[in-house]
Protein backbone atom coordinates (compact mmCIF):
# COMPACT_ATOMS: atom_id res chain seq x y z
CA MET A 1 44.03 -22.46 -4.89
CA LYS A 2 47.17 -20.68 -3.73
CA THR A 3 45.11 -17.60 -2.92
CA LEU A 4 42.76 -19.66 -0.75
CA ILE A 5 45.72 -21.25 1.04
CA ARG A 6 47.23 -17.82 1.80
CA ILE A 7 43.90 -16.48 3.09
CA LEU A 8 43.40 -19.52 5.34
CA ALA A 9 46.96 -19.21 6.61
CA ILE A 10 46.39 -15.60 7.62
CA ALA A 11 43.07 -16.58 9.19
CA GLN A 12 44.76 -19.35 11.19
CA LYS A 13 47.43 -16.91 12.34
CA GLU A 14 44.69 -14.49 13.51
CA TRP A 15 42.90 -17.31 15.33
CA ILE A 16 46.10 -17.96 17.29
CA HIS A 17 46.34 -14.27 18.25
CA ILE A 18 42.70 -14.26 19.40
CA TYR A 19 43.04 -17.53 21.31
CA ARG A 20 46.08 -16.28 23.19
CA ASP A 21 44.45 -12.97 24.06
CA ILE A 22 41.92 -13.93 26.74
CA ARG A 23 40.73 -10.35 27.09
CA SER A 24 39.71 -10.20 23.45
CA LEU A 25 37.89 -13.52 23.76
CA ILE A 26 35.95 -12.29 26.79
CA LEU A 27 35.16 -9.04 25.02
CA ALA A 28 34.01 -10.87 21.90
CA LEU A 29 32.02 -13.77 23.38
CA ILE A 30 30.66 -12.73 26.76
CA THR A 31 30.31 -8.95 26.65
CA PRO A 32 27.53 -8.86 23.98
CA VAL A 33 25.29 -11.13 26.04
CA LEU A 34 25.91 -9.15 29.22
CA LEU A 35 25.23 -5.84 27.48
CA VAL A 36 21.97 -7.08 25.95
CA LEU A 37 20.81 -8.41 29.33
CA ILE A 38 21.78 -5.29 31.28
CA PHE A 39 20.50 -2.70 28.84
CA GLY A 40 17.51 -4.83 27.87
CA TYR A 41 16.23 -4.58 31.43
CA ALA A 42 17.50 -1.05 32.07
CA LEU A 43 16.27 0.67 28.88
CA ASN A 44 12.54 0.55 29.56
CA MET A 45 10.70 3.38 27.85
CA ASP A 46 7.28 2.45 29.22
CA VAL A 47 6.10 5.30 31.45
CA LYS A 48 4.36 3.59 34.37
CA ASN A 49 3.99 4.13 38.10
CA VAL A 50 3.98 7.91 37.73
CA ALA A 51 4.24 9.16 41.33
CA PHE A 52 1.82 11.98 42.12
CA ILE A 53 0.31 13.75 45.10
CA ILE A 54 -3.09 15.35 45.66
CA TYR A 55 -3.88 18.73 47.14
CA ASP A 56 -7.62 18.59 47.89
CA GLN A 57 -8.75 22.14 48.69
CA ASP A 58 -12.43 21.20 48.66
CA LYS A 59 -12.19 18.36 51.22
CA THR A 60 -15.64 16.94 50.58
CA PRO A 61 -16.77 13.33 50.02
CA SER A 62 -17.28 14.08 46.31
CA SER A 63 -13.79 15.51 45.88
CA ARG A 64 -12.25 12.53 47.66
CA GLN A 65 -14.28 10.17 45.49
CA PHE A 66 -13.06 12.02 42.41
CA ALA A 67 -9.44 11.77 43.62
CA GLU A 68 -9.78 8.01 44.08
CA ILE A 69 -10.32 7.62 40.33
CA PHE A 70 -6.67 8.48 39.74
CA MET A 71 -5.51 6.01 42.40
CA HIS A 72 -6.89 3.01 40.52
CA SER A 73 -4.88 3.57 37.36
CA GLU A 74 -2.06 1.10 36.64
CA TYR A 75 0.01 3.97 35.23
CA LEU A 76 -0.25 6.27 38.26
CA THR A 77 0.88 5.83 41.86
CA CYS A 78 -0.53 8.12 44.53
CA LYS A 79 1.94 9.17 47.22
CA GLY A 80 -0.72 10.69 49.45
CA TYR A 81 -2.35 14.04 50.17
CA VAL A 82 -0.66 17.35 50.95
CA THR A 83 -2.01 20.47 52.59
CA GLY A 84 -0.38 23.29 50.63
CA TYR A 85 1.78 24.41 47.75
CA ASN A 86 4.88 24.36 49.91
CA ASP A 87 4.39 20.63 50.36
CA ILE A 88 4.06 20.27 46.58
CA ASP A 89 7.35 22.09 46.04
CA THR A 90 9.07 19.89 48.59
CA ALA A 91 7.66 16.65 47.14
CA ILE A 92 8.62 17.47 43.54
CA ASP A 93 12.04 18.89 44.41
CA SER A 94 12.90 15.84 46.52
CA GLY A 95 11.76 13.43 43.80
CA ARG A 96 8.98 11.95 45.92
CA ALA A 97 6.49 12.88 43.21
CA VAL A 98 6.66 14.05 39.61
CA ALA A 99 3.14 15.44 39.45
CA ALA A 100 0.61 17.13 41.70
CA LEU A 101 -3.17 17.31 41.19
CA ILE A 102 -4.91 20.29 42.80
CA ILE A 103 -8.66 20.03 43.33
CA PRO A 104 -9.99 23.59 43.79
CA TYR A 105 -12.39 25.00 46.36
CA ASN A 106 -16.12 24.61 45.62
CA PHE A 107 -15.37 21.58 43.42
CA THR A 108 -18.47 19.69 44.56
CA GLU A 109 -20.72 22.73 44.38
CA ASN A 110 -19.65 23.65 40.86
CA VAL A 111 -19.94 20.09 39.55
CA LYS A 112 -23.45 19.65 40.94
CA SER A 113 -24.56 22.98 39.51
CA GLY A 114 -23.20 22.13 36.09
CA GLN A 115 -20.46 24.74 36.10
CA SER A 116 -17.01 24.06 34.72
CA VAL A 117 -14.30 23.14 37.17
CA HIS A 118 -10.67 23.91 36.40
CA LEU A 119 -8.27 21.43 37.94
CA GLN A 120 -4.61 22.28 38.21
CA LEU A 121 -1.94 19.75 37.27
CA ILE A 122 1.68 20.50 38.13
CA VAL A 123 4.18 18.25 36.37
CA ASP A 124 7.95 18.05 36.72
CA ALA A 125 9.02 18.53 33.08
CA SER A 126 12.76 18.06 33.60
CA ASP A 127 12.08 14.84 31.69
CA SER A 128 9.89 16.25 28.93
CA MET A 129 8.91 12.89 27.42
CA SER A 130 7.74 11.41 30.72
CA ALA A 131 5.98 14.68 31.60
CA THR A 132 4.07 14.68 28.31
CA ILE A 133 2.95 11.08 28.74
CA ALA A 134 2.03 11.64 32.40
CA SER A 135 -0.11 14.65 31.45
CA ALA A 136 -1.84 12.52 28.83
CA TYR A 137 -2.71 9.93 31.51
CA PHE A 138 -4.39 12.55 33.69
CA ASN A 139 -6.24 14.09 30.74
CA ALA A 140 -7.53 10.67 29.66
CA ILE A 141 -8.86 9.92 33.15
CA VAL A 142 -10.58 13.33 33.34
CA SER A 143 -12.12 12.77 29.88
CA GLN A 144 -13.53 9.42 30.97
CA TYR A 145 -14.95 11.05 34.11
CA ASN A 146 -16.64 13.77 32.03
CA ILE A 147 -18.21 11.23 29.70
CA ALA A 148 -19.50 9.13 32.60
CA TRP A 149 -20.88 12.26 34.30
CA MET A 150 -22.73 13.37 31.15
CA GLN A 151 -24.23 9.93 30.56
CA GLU A 152 -25.40 9.73 34.17
CA HIS A 153 -27.17 13.10 34.03
CA LEU A 154 -28.74 12.32 30.67
CA ASN A 155 -30.12 9.09 32.08
CA ARG A 156 -31.55 10.95 35.05
CA ALA A 157 -33.22 13.39 32.70
CA GLY A 158 -34.79 10.50 30.80
CA CYS A 159 -32.84 11.15 27.60
CA GLY A 160 -31.10 7.82 27.61
CA SER A 161 -27.58 7.34 26.39
CA ILE A 162 -26.41 9.30 23.39
CA PRO A 163 -23.95 7.50 21.11
CA MET A 164 -20.68 9.23 20.43
CA PRO A 165 -20.42 10.55 16.85
CA VAL A 166 -16.91 9.22 16.35
CA ASN A 167 -15.31 6.12 17.87
CA ILE A 168 -11.85 4.69 17.29
CA GLU A 169 -11.35 0.94 17.22
CA SER A 170 -7.60 0.41 17.40
CA ARG A 171 -5.81 -2.58 15.96
CA VAL A 172 -2.21 -2.80 17.14
CA TRP A 173 0.11 -4.65 14.78
CA TYR A 174 3.57 -6.14 15.40
CA ASN A 175 3.65 -5.12 19.07
CA GLU A 176 0.22 -5.99 20.39
CA GLU A 177 1.07 -5.39 24.04
CA LEU A 178 2.69 -2.01 23.28
CA GLN A 179 5.79 -2.97 25.24
CA SER A 180 8.92 -0.94 24.68
CA LYS A 181 11.16 -4.02 24.96
CA ASN A 182 9.93 -5.17 21.55
CA TYR A 183 11.27 -1.89 20.18
CA VAL A 184 14.37 -1.54 22.35
CA VAL A 185 15.88 -5.03 22.37
CA PRO A 186 16.16 -5.56 18.56
CA GLY A 187 17.80 -2.15 18.20
CA LEU A 188 20.00 -2.87 21.20
CA ILE A 189 21.24 -6.10 19.61
CA VAL A 190 22.33 -4.15 16.53
CA ILE A 191 24.04 -1.46 18.63
CA VAL A 192 25.99 -4.04 20.65
CA LEU A 193 27.06 -5.97 17.54
CA ALA A 194 28.18 -2.79 15.77
CA ILE A 195 30.31 -1.62 18.69
CA ILE A 196 31.79 -5.01 19.62
CA SER A 197 32.62 -6.02 16.04
CA ALA A 198 34.44 -2.74 15.41
CA LEU A 199 36.27 -2.93 18.74
CA ILE A 200 37.62 -6.47 18.38
CA THR A 201 38.80 -5.94 14.79
CA SER A 202 40.39 -2.60 15.66
CA LEU A 203 43.19 -4.60 17.29
CA ALA A 204 43.94 -6.85 14.32
CA ILE A 205 46.43 -4.69 12.37
CA SER A 206 47.70 -2.51 15.22
CA ARG A 207 48.61 -5.70 17.13
CA GLU A 208 50.84 -6.70 14.23
CA TRP A 209 52.64 -3.34 14.29
CA GLU A 210 53.17 -3.35 18.06
CA ARG A 211 54.52 -6.91 18.11
CA GLY A 212 56.79 -6.30 15.12
CA THR A 213 55.18 -9.01 12.99
CA MET A 214 53.75 -6.64 10.39
CA GLU A 215 57.10 -6.37 8.62
CA SER A 216 57.18 -10.15 8.26
CA LEU A 217 53.65 -10.12 6.88
CA ILE A 218 54.56 -7.42 4.38
CA THR A 219 57.51 -9.43 3.05
CA MET A 220 55.30 -12.47 2.45
CA PRO A 221 53.88 -13.05 -1.06
CA VAL A 222 50.33 -12.00 -0.13
CA ARG A 223 48.08 -9.39 -1.63
CA SER A 224 46.40 -6.68 0.43
CA TRP A 225 42.91 -8.03 -0.19
CA GLU A 226 44.07 -11.45 0.95
CA VAL A 227 45.23 -9.90 4.23
CA ILE A 228 41.83 -8.25 4.64
CA ALA A 229 39.98 -11.49 3.88
CA GLY A 230 42.20 -13.57 6.15
CA LYS A 231 41.85 -11.10 9.01
CA LEU A 232 38.07 -10.91 8.58
CA ILE A 233 37.29 -14.64 8.60
CA PRO A 234 37.87 -15.28 12.35
CA TYR A 235 36.00 -12.17 13.39
CA ILE A 236 33.06 -12.93 11.10
CA PHE A 237 32.72 -16.33 12.82
CA ILE A 238 32.95 -14.69 16.24
CA GLY A 239 30.40 -12.11 15.13
CA MET A 240 28.04 -14.84 13.94
CA PHE A 241 28.32 -16.51 17.33
CA ASP A 242 27.41 -13.19 18.93
CA VAL A 243 24.51 -12.77 16.51
CA VAL A 244 23.04 -16.17 17.34
CA ILE A 245 23.53 -15.87 21.10
CA THR A 246 22.11 -12.34 21.32
CA TYR A 247 19.10 -13.29 19.19
CA LEU A 248 18.51 -16.28 21.46
CA VAL A 249 18.71 -14.02 24.52
CA GLY A 250 16.18 -11.68 22.93
CA TYR A 251 13.86 -14.57 22.08
CA PHE A 252 14.00 -16.60 25.31
CA VAL A 253 14.67 -13.89 27.90
CA PHE A 254 12.74 -10.90 26.52
CA ASP A 255 10.15 -12.82 24.42
CA ILE A 256 11.06 -10.94 21.25
CA PRO A 257 9.22 -12.69 18.40
CA VAL A 258 10.90 -13.86 15.21
CA ARG A 259 8.03 -13.82 12.73
CA GLY A 260 10.21 -13.86 9.62
CA SER A 261 12.93 -16.15 8.32
CA PHE A 262 15.76 -16.66 10.79
CA THR A 263 18.01 -17.67 7.90
CA GLN A 264 17.45 -14.32 6.18
CA LEU A 265 18.13 -12.61 9.48
CA LEU A 266 21.49 -14.38 9.72
CA LEU A 267 22.39 -13.54 6.13
CA VAL A 268 21.78 -9.81 6.53
CA SER A 269 23.66 -9.98 9.83
CA ILE A 270 26.69 -11.40 8.01
CA LEU A 271 26.54 -8.50 5.57
CA PHE A 272 26.33 -6.08 8.48
CA LEU A 273 29.29 -7.72 10.23
CA ILE A 274 31.43 -7.57 7.09
CA GLY A 275 30.96 -3.80 6.97
CA THR A 276 31.52 -3.13 10.67
CA CYS A 277 34.46 -5.54 11.03
CA THR A 278 36.18 -4.05 7.98
CA PHE A 279 35.61 -0.61 9.48
CA GLY A 280 37.51 -1.80 12.55
CA LEU A 281 40.35 -3.05 10.33
CA VAL A 282 40.51 0.36 8.64
CA ILE A 283 40.86 2.04 12.04
CA SER A 284 43.49 -0.48 13.10
CA SER A 285 45.59 0.00 9.97
CA ALA A 286 45.40 3.78 10.33
CA THR A 287 46.42 4.03 14.00
CA ARG A 288 48.98 1.19 14.48
CA ILE A 289 48.58 1.45 18.28
CA GLN A 290 46.13 -0.86 20.06
CA VAL A 291 45.08 1.60 22.76
CA LEU A 292 44.52 4.34 20.21
CA SER A 293 42.66 1.91 17.95
CA ILE A 294 40.22 1.04 20.72
CA GLN A 295 39.66 4.70 21.57
CA VAL A 296 39.03 5.68 17.96
CA ALA A 297 36.76 2.67 17.38
CA MET A 298 34.76 3.52 20.50
CA ILE A 299 34.33 7.15 19.52
CA ALA A 300 33.53 6.34 15.89
CA THR A 301 30.92 3.68 16.68
CA TYR A 302 29.39 4.25 20.11
CA LEU A 303 27.83 7.71 19.95
CA PRO A 304 27.08 7.81 16.19
CA THR A 305 25.48 4.37 16.30
CA ILE A 306 23.28 5.17 19.29
CA LEU A 307 22.34 8.74 18.38
CA LEU A 308 22.14 8.63 14.58
CA SER A 309 20.75 5.17 13.84
CA GLY A 310 17.15 5.90 14.81
CA PHE A 311 17.49 3.57 17.80
CA ILE A 312 16.35 6.16 20.35
CA PHE A 313 15.64 9.38 18.44
CA PRO A 314 13.51 9.37 15.26
CA ILE A 315 15.60 10.33 12.26
CA LYS A 316 12.79 12.44 10.80
CA ASN A 317 12.95 14.74 13.84
CA MET A 318 16.64 15.53 13.29
CA PRO A 319 17.95 18.55 11.35
CA ILE A 320 18.42 18.00 7.63
CA ILE A 321 22.22 17.90 7.93
CA LEU A 322 22.12 15.17 10.56
CA GLN A 323 19.56 13.25 8.53
CA ALA A 324 22.06 13.21 5.69
CA VAL A 325 24.80 11.98 8.05
CA THR A 326 22.64 9.02 9.15
CA TYR A 327 22.95 7.51 5.67
CA ILE A 328 26.54 6.50 6.43
CA ILE A 329 25.58 4.74 9.69
CA PRO A 330 25.14 1.02 8.89
CA ALA A 331 23.20 0.40 12.11
CA ARG A 332 20.38 2.51 10.67
CA TYR A 333 19.74 -0.08 7.99
CA MET A 334 20.32 -3.12 10.19
CA ILE A 335 17.79 -1.88 12.76
CA ALA A 336 15.21 -1.51 9.99
CA LEU A 337 16.06 -5.00 8.74
CA ILE A 338 15.86 -6.76 12.09
CA LYS A 339 12.57 -5.06 12.95
CA GLY A 340 11.15 -5.79 9.51
CA ILE A 341 12.12 -9.46 9.51
CA ALA A 342 11.77 -10.34 13.20
CA LEU A 343 8.82 -8.18 14.30
CA LYS A 344 6.85 -7.73 11.06
CA GLY A 345 7.70 -10.99 9.35
CA LEU A 346 8.76 -9.27 6.13
CA ALA A 347 10.85 -11.01 3.50
CA ALA A 348 14.30 -9.62 2.84
CA SER A 349 13.22 -8.90 -0.75
CA LEU A 350 10.93 -6.16 0.60
CA LEU A 351 13.87 -4.48 2.33
CA THR A 352 16.19 -4.19 -0.65
CA THR A 353 16.96 -0.50 0.00
CA GLN A 354 18.53 -1.26 3.37
CA ILE A 355 20.41 -4.25 1.96
CA ILE A 356 21.81 -2.18 -0.92
CA PHE A 357 23.03 0.57 1.40
CA MET A 358 24.71 -1.95 3.73
CA THR A 359 26.36 -3.63 0.73
CA VAL A 360 27.68 -0.29 -0.49
CA PHE A 361 29.03 0.50 2.98
CA ALA A 362 30.79 -2.88 3.22
CA PHE A 363 32.25 -2.48 -0.29
CA ILE A 364 33.57 1.02 0.46
CA MET A 365 35.14 -0.16 3.73
CA ILE A 366 36.87 -3.05 1.93
CA ILE A 367 38.27 -0.71 -0.73
CA ILE A 368 39.54 1.73 1.91
CA GLY A 369 41.04 -1.12 3.92
CA ILE A 370 42.92 -2.46 0.90
CA LYS A 371 44.27 0.99 0.07
CA LYS A 372 45.36 1.60 3.67
CA ILE A 373 47.33 -1.62 3.74
CA ASN A 374 48.85 -0.78 0.37
CA LEU A 375 49.99 2.53 1.82
CA ARG A 376 51.66 0.64 4.65
CA TYR A 377 53.49 -1.48 2.14
CA ALA A 378 54.69 1.65 0.35
CA GLY A 379 55.74 3.22 3.62
């Protein structure tokens, strides 16, 4: 009972610090929602409206008709015709277009005679991902044109239509509309929570040292783990508020489905917050200076969480050494959990590996935090 009273007393003291620090409150309560809204709209990985130009060297009705096929695609946007390669260079260099389709001389003559025609596609590959997808759009349209041309000539020859030997009937699960927001927003929620939770707790211990109240706390009859628990309680509640509000933003603003149990989603979020908030306390106890704590927390969470969590770059594509490093990034497991529960409707029992790793991370952070505070006592 005395232990609980001491923990609650420390928690109440931390609540007073948070309440008096308006900047921390704004950072903790408003910033996550703003970040999810801003980046949710900004981080759109769908490659659409690819701007392209056409250089029609043949200049016949058939070549113009062929060019019009590309103008009716929802993924491509034609910016007009050009009359030479110099115009193509200017258009791509200025950013007016990212691709150029060149229809060669004798296009109509070769097509009617059954000879192969080699089109030229020039793509700005400074963005390799967009260039690859844009090239695939053009290739798909040309393939459809070839199939339609073959069927038409077979019909004219009286052969009728010939069925294709292999057909693919796709069934898209968990993201039926193939929208990148269903992939980006859940991961973005995890990234924001990881960064914000570490940032706000990185001030907890260093604030005590700067204000000269840490010595008073040390002389009190409290244990180090009680200090950790008391410091964590307010930030866990703030983190849970952020979890609920960001999930609601994802659901109502971006139409992110929640097919699984929302209760399980909250429980694994609490586990995630315990690990990340304790990590912030470890940074705070090690630095003692608020400005330095924020800088270290930002460096230690922002880039590693974004780059090594699998949020943007697939982990399997990374070098073996970096793949090993990703195992100590808690956001890696939380992203898998939120996608499994929210998008796939999986039960948490099917994601025990991720839960175990997050539990181990939280336990290690708590042990380190206790030892760091013990060192402060000794010093």
